[in-house]
PDB file of N, CA and C in Angstrom:
ATOM      1  N   MET A   1     -46.909 -89.988 -61.967  1.00  0.00           N
ATOM      2  CA  MET A   1     -46.923 -88.706 -60.782  1.00  0.00           C
ATOM      3  C   MET A   1     -47.975 -87.835 -60.748  1.00  0.00           C
ATOM      4  N   LYS A   2     -48.469 -87.287 -59.576  1.00  0.00           N
ATOM      5  CA  LYS A   2     -49.708 -86.744 -59.140  1.00  0.00           C
ATOM      6  C   LYS A   2     -49.595 -85.119 -58.859  1.00  0.00           C
ATOM      7  N   ILE A   3     -50.377 -84.718 -59.570  1.00  0.00           N
ATOM      8  CA  ILE A   3     -50.152 -83.214 -59.252  1.00  0.00           C
ATOM      9  C   ILE A   3     -50.834 -82.599 -57.938  1.00  0.00           C
ATOM     10  N   ILE A   4     -49.820 -81.819 -57.457  1.00  0.00           N
ATOM     11  CA  ILE A   4     -50.690 -81.208 -56.082  1.00  0.00           C
ATOM     12  C   ILE A   4     -50.917 -79.987 -56.179  1.00  0.00           C
ATOM     13  N   THR A   5     -52.128 -79.719 -55.932  1.00  0.00           N
ATOM     14  CA  THR A   5     -52.417 -78.328 -56.182  1.00  0.00           C
ATOM     15  C   THR A   5     -52.258 -77.227 -54.670  1.00  0.00           C
ATOM     16  N   ASN A   6     -52.466 -75.911 -54.755  1.00  0.00           N
ATOM     17  CA  ASN A   6     -52.393 -75.165 -53.700  1.00  0.00           C
ATOM     18  C   ASN A   6     -53.034 -75.946 -52.395  1.00  0.00           C
ATOM     19  N   GLU A   7     -54.396 -76.068 -52.893  1.00  0.00           N
ATOM     20  CA  GLU A   7     -55.289 -76.528 -51.841  1.00  0.00           C
ATOM     21  C   GLU A   7     -55.040 -77.920 -51.178  1.00  0.00           C
ATOM     22  N   ASP A   8     -54.315 -78.844 -52.004  1.00  0.00           N
ATOM     23  CA  ASP A   8     -53.677 -80.099 -51.150  1.00  0.00           C
ATOM     24  C   ASP A   8     -52.596 -79.726 -50.251  1.00  0.00           C
ATOM     25  N   ALA A   9     -51.585 -78.897 -50.830  1.00  0.00           N
ATOM     26  CA  ALA A   9     -50.432 -78.621 -49.858  1.00  0.00           C
ATOM     27  C   ALA A   9     -51.155 -78.030 -48.774  1.00  0.00           C
ATOM     28  N   MET A  10     -52.280 -76.637 -48.852  1.00  0.00           N
ATOM     29  CA  MET A  10     -52.421 -76.406 -47.774  1.00  0.00           C
ATOM     30  C   MET A  10     -52.950 -77.095 -46.503  1.00  0.00           C
ATOM     31  N   ASN A  11     -53.960 -78.051 -46.930  1.00  0.00           N
ATOM     32  CA  ASN A  11     -54.759 -79.297 -46.189  1.00  0.00           C
ATOM     33  C   ASN A  11     -53.466 -80.082 -45.765  1.00  0.00           C
ATOM     34  N   GLU A  12     -52.430 -80.533 -46.196  1.00  0.00           N
ATOM     35  CA  GLU A  12     -51.521 -81.181 -46.013  1.00  0.00           C
ATOM     36  C   GLU A  12     -50.779 -80.519 -44.551  1.00  0.00           C
ATOM     37  N   LEU A  13     -50.185 -79.223 -44.821  1.00  0.00           N
ATOM     38  CA  LEU A  13     -49.234 -78.827 -44.372  1.00  0.00           C
ATOM     39  C   LEU A  13     -49.854 -78.077 -42.953  1.00  0.00           C
ATOM     40  N   LEU A  14     -50.847 -77.031 -43.237  1.00  0.00           N
ATOM     41  CA  LEU A  14     -51.472 -76.222 -42.236  1.00  0.00           C
ATOM     42  C   LEU A  14     -52.396 -76.568 -41.314  1.00  0.00           C
ATOM     43  N   THR A  15     -52.884 -76.119 -40.547  1.00  0.00           N
ATOM     44  CA  THR A  15     -53.805 -76.339 -39.725  1.00  0.00           C
ATOM     45  C   THR A  15     -54.825 -75.581 -40.057  1.00  0.00           C
ATOM     46  N   PRO A  16     -56.065 -75.964 -39.620  1.00  0.00           N
ATOM     47  CA  PRO A  16     -57.114 -74.936 -40.205  1.00  0.00           C
ATOM     48  C   PRO A  16     -57.369 -73.554 -39.754  1.00  0.00           C
ATOM     49  N   GLU A  17     -56.625 -72.978 -38.662  1.00  0.00           N
ATOM     50  CA  GLU A  17     -56.614 -71.851 -38.106  1.00  0.00           C
ATOM     51  C   GLU A  17     -55.672 -71.005 -39.300  1.00  0.00           C
ATOM     52  N   GLU A  18     -54.157 -71.598 -39.304  1.00  0.00           N
ATOM     53  CA  GLU A  18     -53.493 -71.294 -40.483  1.00  0.00           C
ATOM     54  C   GLU A  18     -53.815 -71.310 -42.046  1.00  0.00           C
ATOM     55  N   LYS A  19     -54.773 -71.840 -42.300  1.00  0.00           N
ATOM     56  CA  LYS A  19     -55.533 -71.680 -43.729  1.00  0.00           C
ATOM     57  C   LYS A  19     -56.389 -70.351 -43.721  1.00  0.00           C
ATOM     58  N   ALA A  20     -57.235 -70.151 -42.343  1.00  0.00           N
ATOM     59  CA  ALA A  20     -58.022 -69.250 -42.484  1.00  0.00           C
ATOM     60  C   ALA A  20     -57.158 -67.783 -42.604  1.00  0.00           C
ATOM     61  N   GLU A  21     -55.914 -68.108 -41.854  1.00  0.00           N
ATOM     62  CA  GLU A  21     -55.034 -66.712 -41.667  1.00  0.00           C
ATOM     63  C   GLU A  21     -54.450 -66.345 -43.232  1.00  0.00           C
ATOM     64  N   VAL A  22     -53.808 -67.454 -44.089  1.00  0.00           N
ATOM     65  CA  VAL A  22     -53.457 -67.475 -45.023  1.00  0.00           C
ATOM     66  C   VAL A  22     -54.496 -66.940 -46.290  1.00  0.00           C
ATOM     67  N   LYS A  23     -55.979 -67.453 -46.129  1.00  0.00           N
ATOM     68  CA  LYS A  23     -56.730 -67.076 -46.930  1.00  0.00           C
ATOM     69  C   LYS A  23     -57.289 -65.440 -46.955  1.00  0.00           C
ATOM     70  N   ALA A  24     -57.116 -65.024 -45.456  1.00  0.00           N
ATOM     71  CA  ALA A  24     -57.512 -63.570 -45.316  1.00  0.00           C
ATOM     72  C   ALA A  24     -56.526 -62.954 -45.654  1.00  0.00           C
ATOM     73  N   GLU A  25     -55.304 -63.164 -45.983  1.00  0.00           N
ATOM     74  CA  GLU A  25     -53.949 -62.631 -46.305  1.00  0.00           C
ATOM     75  C   GLU A  25     -54.383 -62.021 -47.734  1.00  0.00           C
ATOM     76  N   VAL A  26     -54.313 -63.315 -48.468  1.00  0.00           N
ATOM     77  CA  VAL A  26     -54.698 -63.306 -50.166  1.00  0.00           C
ATOM     78  C   VAL A  26     -55.704 -62.367 -50.410  1.00  0.00           C
ATOM     79  N   GLU A  27     -56.717 -62.587 -49.633  1.00  0.00           N
ATOM     80  CA  GLU A  27     -58.132 -61.734 -49.637  1.00  0.00           C
ATOM     81  C   GLU A  27     -57.746 -60.125 -49.343  1.00  0.00           C
ATOM     82  N   ALA A  28     -56.840 -59.701 -48.425  1.00  0.00           N
ATOM     83  CA  ALA A  28     -56.731 -58.639 -48.365  1.00  0.00           C
ATOM     84  C   ALA A  28     -55.996 -58.078 -49.480  1.00  0.00           C
ATOM     85  N   VAL A  29     -54.944 -58.748 -49.976  1.00  0.00           N
ATOM     86  CA  VAL A  29     -53.857 -58.474 -51.389  1.00  0.00           C
ATOM     87  C   VAL A  29     -54.837 -58.182 -52.254  1.00  0.00           C
ATOM     88  N   VAL A  30     -55.588 -59.094 -52.727  1.00  0.00           N
ATOM     89  CA  VAL A  30     -56.364 -58.844 -53.949  1.00  0.00           C
ATOM     90  C   VAL A  30     -57.361 -58.203 -53.770  1.00  0.00           C
ATOM     91  N   LEU A  31     -58.136 -57.441 -52.701  1.00  0.00           N
ATOM     92  CA  LEU A  31     -58.928 -56.400 -52.235  1.00  0.00           C
ATOM     93  C   LEU A  31     -58.021 -55.030 -52.469  1.00  0.00           C
ATOM     94  N   LYS A  32     -56.504 -55.216 -52.248  1.00  0.00           N
ATOM     95  CA  LYS A  32     -55.784 -53.924 -52.415  1.00  0.00           C
ATOM     96  C   LYS A  32     -55.810 -53.369 -54.043  1.00  0.00           C
ATOM     97  N   TYR A  33     -55.613 -54.468 -54.740  1.00  0.00           N
ATOM     98  CA  TYR A  33     -55.172 -54.641 -56.207  1.00  0.00           C
ATOM     99  C   TYR A  33     -56.508 -54.668 -57.117  1.00  0.00           C
ATOM    100  N   LYS A  34     -57.418 -54.944 -56.485  1.00  0.00           N
ATOM    101  CA  LYS A  34     -58.547 -54.814 -57.057  1.00  0.00           C
ATOM    102  C   LYS A  34     -59.086 -53.807 -58.373  1.00  0.00           C
ATOM    103  N   GLY A  35     -59.472 -54.199 -59.210  1.00  0.00           N
ATOM    104  CA  GLY A  35     -60.048 -53.250 -60.627  1.00  0.00           C
ATOM    105  C   GLY A  35     -59.047 -53.348 -61.608  1.00  0.00           C
ATOM    106  N   ARG A  36     -58.991 -52.403 -62.827  1.00  0.00           N
ATOM    107  CA  ARG A  36     -58.179 -52.417 -63.548  1.00  0.00           C
ATOM    108  C   ARG A  36     -57.164 -51.339 -63.916  1.00  0.00           C
ATOM    109  N   GLY A  37     -57.008 -50.299 -62.232  1.00  0.00           N
ATOM    110  CA  GLY A  37     -56.068 -49.405 -62.548  1.00  0.00           C
ATOM    111  C   GLY A  37     -55.000 -49.979 -61.709  1.00  0.00           C
ATOM    112  N   GLY A  38     -54.045 -49.090 -61.210  1.00  0.00           N
ATOM    113  CA  GLY A  38     -52.841 -49.177 -60.462  1.00  0.00           C
ATOM    114  C   GLY A  38     -53.210 -48.929 -59.209  1.00  0.00           C
ATOM    115  N   LYS A  39     -51.865 -48.762 -58.407  1.00  0.00           N
ATOM    116  CA  LYS A  39     -52.080 -48.607 -56.502  1.00  0.00           C
ATOM    117  C   LYS A  39     -53.063 -47.637 -56.179  1.00  0.00           C
ATOM    118  N   ARG A  40     -53.171 -46.490 -57.274  1.00  0.00           N
ATOM    119  CA  ARG A  40     -54.039 -45.553 -56.742  1.00  0.00           C
ATOM    120  C   ARG A  40     -55.360 -45.749 -56.931  1.00  0.00           C
ATOM    121  N   GLU A  41     -56.381 -45.113 -55.839  1.00  0.00           N
ATOM    122  CA  GLU A  41     -57.746 -45.202 -56.079  1.00  0.00           C
ATOM    123  C   GLU A  41     -57.918 -44.262 -57.219  1.00  0.00           C
ATOM    124  N   ASN A  42     -59.014 -44.822 -57.950  1.00  0.00           N
ATOM    125  CA  ASN A  42     -59.309 -44.089 -59.443  1.00  0.00           C
ATOM    126  C   ASN A  42     -58.391 -43.979 -60.197  1.00  0.00           C
ATOM    127  N   SER A  43     -57.435 -44.566 -60.326  1.00  0.00           N
ATOM    128  CA  SER A  43     -56.186 -44.303 -61.432  1.00  0.00           C
ATOM    129  C   SER A  43     -56.536 -45.577 -62.653  1.00  0.00           C
ATOM    130  N   GLY A  44     -57.689 -46.011 -62.724  1.00  0.00           N
ATOM    131  CA  GLY A  44     -57.633 -46.966 -63.753  1.00  0.00           C
ATOM    132  C   GLY A  44     -58.786 -46.321 -64.701  1.00  0.00           C
ATOM    133  N   ARG A  45     -59.200 -47.046 -65.614  1.00  0.00           N
ATOM    134  CA  ARG A  45     -60.631 -46.842 -66.227  1.00  0.00           C
ATOM    135  C   ARG A  45     -61.585 -46.713 -65.718  1.00  0.00           C
ATOM    136  N   PRO A  46     -62.584 -45.657 -66.083  1.00  0.00           N
ATOM    137  CA  PRO A  46     -63.695 -45.417 -65.379  1.00  0.00           C
ATOM    138  C   PRO A  46     -64.882 -46.795 -65.214  1.00  0.00           C
ATOM    139  N   ARG A  47     -65.329 -46.874 -64.554  1.00  0.00           N
ATOM    140  CA  ARG A  47     -66.071 -48.012 -64.670  1.00  0.00           C
ATOM    141  C   ARG A  47     -67.415 -47.804 -65.423  1.00  0.00           C
ATOM    142  N   THR A  48     -68.261 -48.766 -66.011  1.00  0.00           N
ATOM    143  CA  THR A  48     -69.162 -48.519 -66.709  1.00  0.00           C
ATOM    144  C   THR A  48     -70.317 -48.169 -66.046  1.00  0.00           C
ATOM    145  N   THR A  49     -70.365 -47.976 -64.573  1.00  0.00           N
ATOM    146  CA  THR A  49     -71.611 -47.477 -63.702  1.00  0.00           C
ATOM    147  C   THR A  49     -71.207 -45.887 -63.628  1.00  0.00           C
ATOM    148  N   ALA A  50     -69.966 -45.231 -64.195  1.00  0.00           N
ATOM    149  CA  ALA A  50     -69.529 -44.253 -63.981  1.00  0.00           C
ATOM    150  C   ALA A  50     -70.333 -43.204 -64.683  1.00  0.00           C
ATOM    151  N   LYS A  51     -70.519 -41.796 -64.349  1.00  0.00           N
ATOM    152  CA  LYS A  51     -71.070 -40.787 -64.906  1.00  0.00           C
ATOM    153  C   LYS A  51     -70.697 -40.585 -66.217  1.00  0.00           C
ATOM    154  N   ILE A  52     -71.816 -40.004 -67.154  1.00  0.00           N
ATOM    155  CA  ILE A  52     -70.978 -39.648 -68.777  1.00  0.00           C
ATOM    156  C   ILE A  52     -70.481 -38.377 -68.502  1.00  0.00           C
ATOM    157  N   LEU A  53     -69.340 -38.391 -69.081  1.00  0.00           N
ATOM    158  CA  LEU A  53     -68.587 -37.201 -69.350  1.00  0.00           C
ATOM    159  C   LEU A  53     -69.407 -36.288 -70.110  1.00  0.00           C
ATOM    160  N   LYS A  54     -69.127 -34.957 -69.783  1.00  0.00           N
ATOM    161  CA  LYS A  54     -69.784 -33.952 -70.711  1.00  0.00           C
ATOM    162  C   LYS A  54     -68.555 -33.321 -71.042  1.00  0.00           C
ATOM    163  N   PHE A  55     -68.815 -32.842 -72.404  1.00  0.00           N
ATOM    164  CA  PHE A  55     -67.776 -32.010 -73.307  1.00  0.00           C
ATOM    165  C   PHE A  55     -68.192 -30.488 -72.998  1.00  0.00           C
ATOM    166  N   THR A  56     -66.974 -29.808 -72.545  1.00  0.00           N
ATOM    167  CA  THR A  56     -67.306 -28.320 -72.635  1.00  0.00           C
ATOM    168  C   THR A  56     -66.872 -27.448 -74.055  1.00  0.00           C
ATOM    169  N   LYS A  57     -67.020 -26.802 -74.347  1.00  0.00           N
ATOM    170  CA  LYS A  57     -66.970 -25.786 -75.454  1.00  0.00           C
ATOM    171  C   LYS A  57     -66.184 -24.611 -74.701  1.00  0.00           C
ATOM    172  N   ARG A  58     -65.257 -24.260 -75.136  1.00  0.00           N
ATOM    173  CA  ARG A  58     -64.360 -23.231 -74.832  1.00  0.00           C
ATOM    174  C   ARG A  58     -64.642 -22.055 -76.016  1.00  0.00           C
ATOM    175  N   LEU A  59     -65.884 -21.303 -76.161  1.00  0.00           N
ATOM    176  CA  LEU A  59     -66.186 -20.492 -77.348  1.00  0.00           C
ATOM    177  C   LEU A  59     -66.671 -19.209 -76.825  1.00  0.00           C
ATOM    178  N   THR A  60     -66.586 -18.263 -77.792  1.00  0.00           N
ATOM    179  CA  THR A  60     -67.726 -17.222 -77.436  1.00  0.00           C
ATOM    180  C   THR A  60     -69.059 -17.698 -77.739  1.00  0.00           C
ATOM    181  N   GLU A  61     -69.940 -16.810 -77.198  1.00  0.00           N
ATOM    182  CA  GLU A  61     -71.488 -17.144 -77.437  1.00  0.00           C
ATOM    183  C   GLU A  61     -72.015 -17.471 -78.916  1.00  0.00           C
ATOM    184  N   ASP A  62     -71.285 -16.488 -79.657  1.00  0.00           N
ATOM    185  CA  ASP A  62     -71.725 -16.624 -80.939  1.00  0.00           C
ATOM    186  C   ASP A  62     -71.252 -17.881 -81.720  1.00  0.00           C
ATOM    187  N   GLU A  63     -69.983 -18.375 -81.299  1.00  0.00           N
ATOM    188  CA  GLU A  63     -69.460 -19.313 -82.159  1.00  0.00           C
ATOM    189  C   GLU A  63     -69.997 -20.932 -81.641  1.00  0.00           C
ATOM    190  N   ALA A  64     -70.328 -20.725 -80.591  1.00  0.00           N
ATOM    191  CA  ALA A  64     -71.321 -21.695 -79.944  1.00  0.00           C
ATOM    192  C   ALA A  64     -73.029 -21.843 -80.451  1.00  0.00           C
ATOM    193  N   LYS A  65     -73.337 -20.746 -80.555  1.00  0.00           N
ATOM    194  CA  LYS A  65     -74.667 -20.778 -81.111  1.00  0.00           C
ATOM    195  C   LYS A  65     -74.432 -21.219 -82.697  1.00  0.00           C
ATOM    196  N   PHE A  66     -73.503 -20.805 -83.449  1.00  0.00           N
ATOM    197  CA  PHE A  66     -73.021 -21.182 -84.719  1.00  0.00           C
ATOM    198  C   PHE A  66     -73.295 -22.610 -84.543  1.00  0.00           C
ATOM    199  N   ILE A  67     -72.312 -23.203 -84.014  1.00  0.00           N
ATOM    200  CA  ILE A  67     -72.039 -24.621 -83.630  1.00  0.00           C
ATOM    201  C   ILE A  67     -73.200 -25.269 -83.615  1.00  0.00           C
ATOM    202  N   ASP A  68     -74.332 -25.081 -82.645  1.00  0.00           N
ATOM    203  CA  ASP A  68     -75.509 -25.700 -82.402  1.00  0.00           C
ATOM    204  C   ASP A  68     -76.503 -25.535 -83.709  1.00  0.00           C
ATOM    205  N   TYR A  69     -76.461 -24.099 -83.987  1.00  0.00           N
ATOM    206  CA  TYR A  69     -77.251 -23.968 -85.457  1.00  0.00           C
ATOM    207  C   TYR A  69     -76.769 -24.981 -86.881  1.00  0.00           C
ATOM    208  N   ALA A  70     -75.687 -25.513 -86.967  1.00  0.00           N
ATOM    209  CA  ALA A  70     -74.697 -26.029 -87.903  1.00  0.00           C
ATOM    210  C   ALA A  70     -75.415 -27.439 -87.556  1.00  0.00           C
ATOM    211  N   ARG A  71     -75.421 -27.893 -86.298  1.00  0.00           N
ATOM    212  CA  ARG A  71     -75.609 -29.353 -85.945  1.00  0.00           C
ATOM    213  C   ARG A  71     -77.333 -29.670 -86.376  1.00  0.00           C
ATOM    214  N   GLU A  72     -77.909 -28.530 -85.968  1.00  0.00           N
ATOM    215  CA  GLU A  72     -79.440 -28.979 -85.963  1.00  0.00           C
ATOM    216  C   GLU A  72     -79.652 -28.887 -87.604  1.00  0.00           C
ATOM    217  N   HIS A  73     -79.212 -28.097 -88.294  1.00  0.00           N
ATOM    218  CA  HIS A  73     -79.598 -28.002 -90.007  1.00  0.00           C
ATOM    219  C   HIS A  73     -78.329 -29.177 -90.536  1.00  0.00           C
ATOM    220  N   ASN A  74     -77.600 -29.712 -90.115  1.00  0.00           N
ATOM    221  CA  ASN A  74     -77.033 -30.707 -90.543  1.00  0.00           C
ATOM    222  C   ASN A  74     -75.867 -30.218 -91.912  1.00  0.00           C
ATOM    223  N   ILE A  75     -75.567 -28.710 -91.290  1.00  0.00           N
ATOM    224  CA  ILE A  75     -74.303 -28.288 -92.284  1.00  0.00           C
ATOM    225  C   ILE A  75     -72.984 -28.999 -92.005  1.00  0.00           C
ATOM    226  N   ASN A  76     -72.532 -29.130 -93.566  1.00  0.00           N
ATOM    227  CA  ASN A  76     -71.606 -29.840 -93.659  1.00  0.00           C
ATOM    228  C   ASN A  76     -70.340 -28.824 -93.533  1.00  0.00           C
ATOM    229  N   TYR A  77     -69.338 -28.736 -92.497  1.00  0.00           N
ATOM    230  CA  TYR A  77     -68.228 -28.039 -92.023  1.00  0.00           C
ATOM    231  C   TYR A  77     -67.395 -28.090 -93.342  1.00  0.00           C
ATOM    232  N   TYR A  78     -67.063 -29.286 -93.623  1.00  0.00           N
ATOM    233  CA  TYR A  78     -65.797 -29.188 -94.673  1.00  0.00           C
ATOM    234  C   TYR A  78     -66.473 -28.457 -95.813  1.00  0.00           C
ATOM    235  N   ASP A  79     -67.657 -28.307 -96.158  1.00  0.00           N
ATOM    236  CA  ASP A  79     -68.010 -27.169 -97.341  1.00  0.00           C
ATOM    237  C   ASP A  79     -67.910 -25.832 -97.390  1.00  0.00           C
ATOM    238  N   LEU A  80     -68.147 -25.453 -95.740  1.00  0.00           N
ATOM    239  CA  LEU A  80     -68.152 -23.999 -95.669  1.00  0.00           C
ATOM    240  C   LEU A  80     -66.465 -23.806 -95.581  1.00  0.00           C
ATOM    241  N   MET A  81     -65.667 -24.511 -95.180  1.00  0.00           N
ATOM    242  CA  MET A  81     -64.059 -23.910 -95.268  1.00  0.00           C
ATOM    243  C   MET A  81     -63.460 -24.078 -96.912  1.00  0.00           C
ATOM    244  N   GLU A  82     -62.663 -23.005 -96.595  1.00  0.00           N
ATOM    245  CA  GLU A  82     -61.762 -22.781 -97.885  1.00  0.00           C
ATOM    246  C   GLU A  82     -61.153 -23.890 -98.321  1.00  0.00           C
ATOM    247  N   LYS A  83     -60.880 -24.287 -99.554  1.00  0.00           N
ATOM    248  CA  LYS A  83     -59.926 -25.585-100.091  1.00  0.00           C
ATOM    249  C   LYS A  83     -58.689 -24.932-100.522  1.00  0.00           C
TER     250      LYS A  83
END
């Protein structure tokens, strides 16, 4: 039993114009759903070339200064907290 591929069937049943039309339709559908996301644009995971996200702190100035100081001096937060 010979296995017939899609290419074999297209060569046997379709004219060159019809094959070109089918390939164009397939490429359009693939392009529509290309990527890792859903149907909406930018609904998937960010690309590796995407900008690096920046974290924002919603703190008072004094709290932000303390956090920056503690990070610079490698202060262990757990030692400062009450147990």
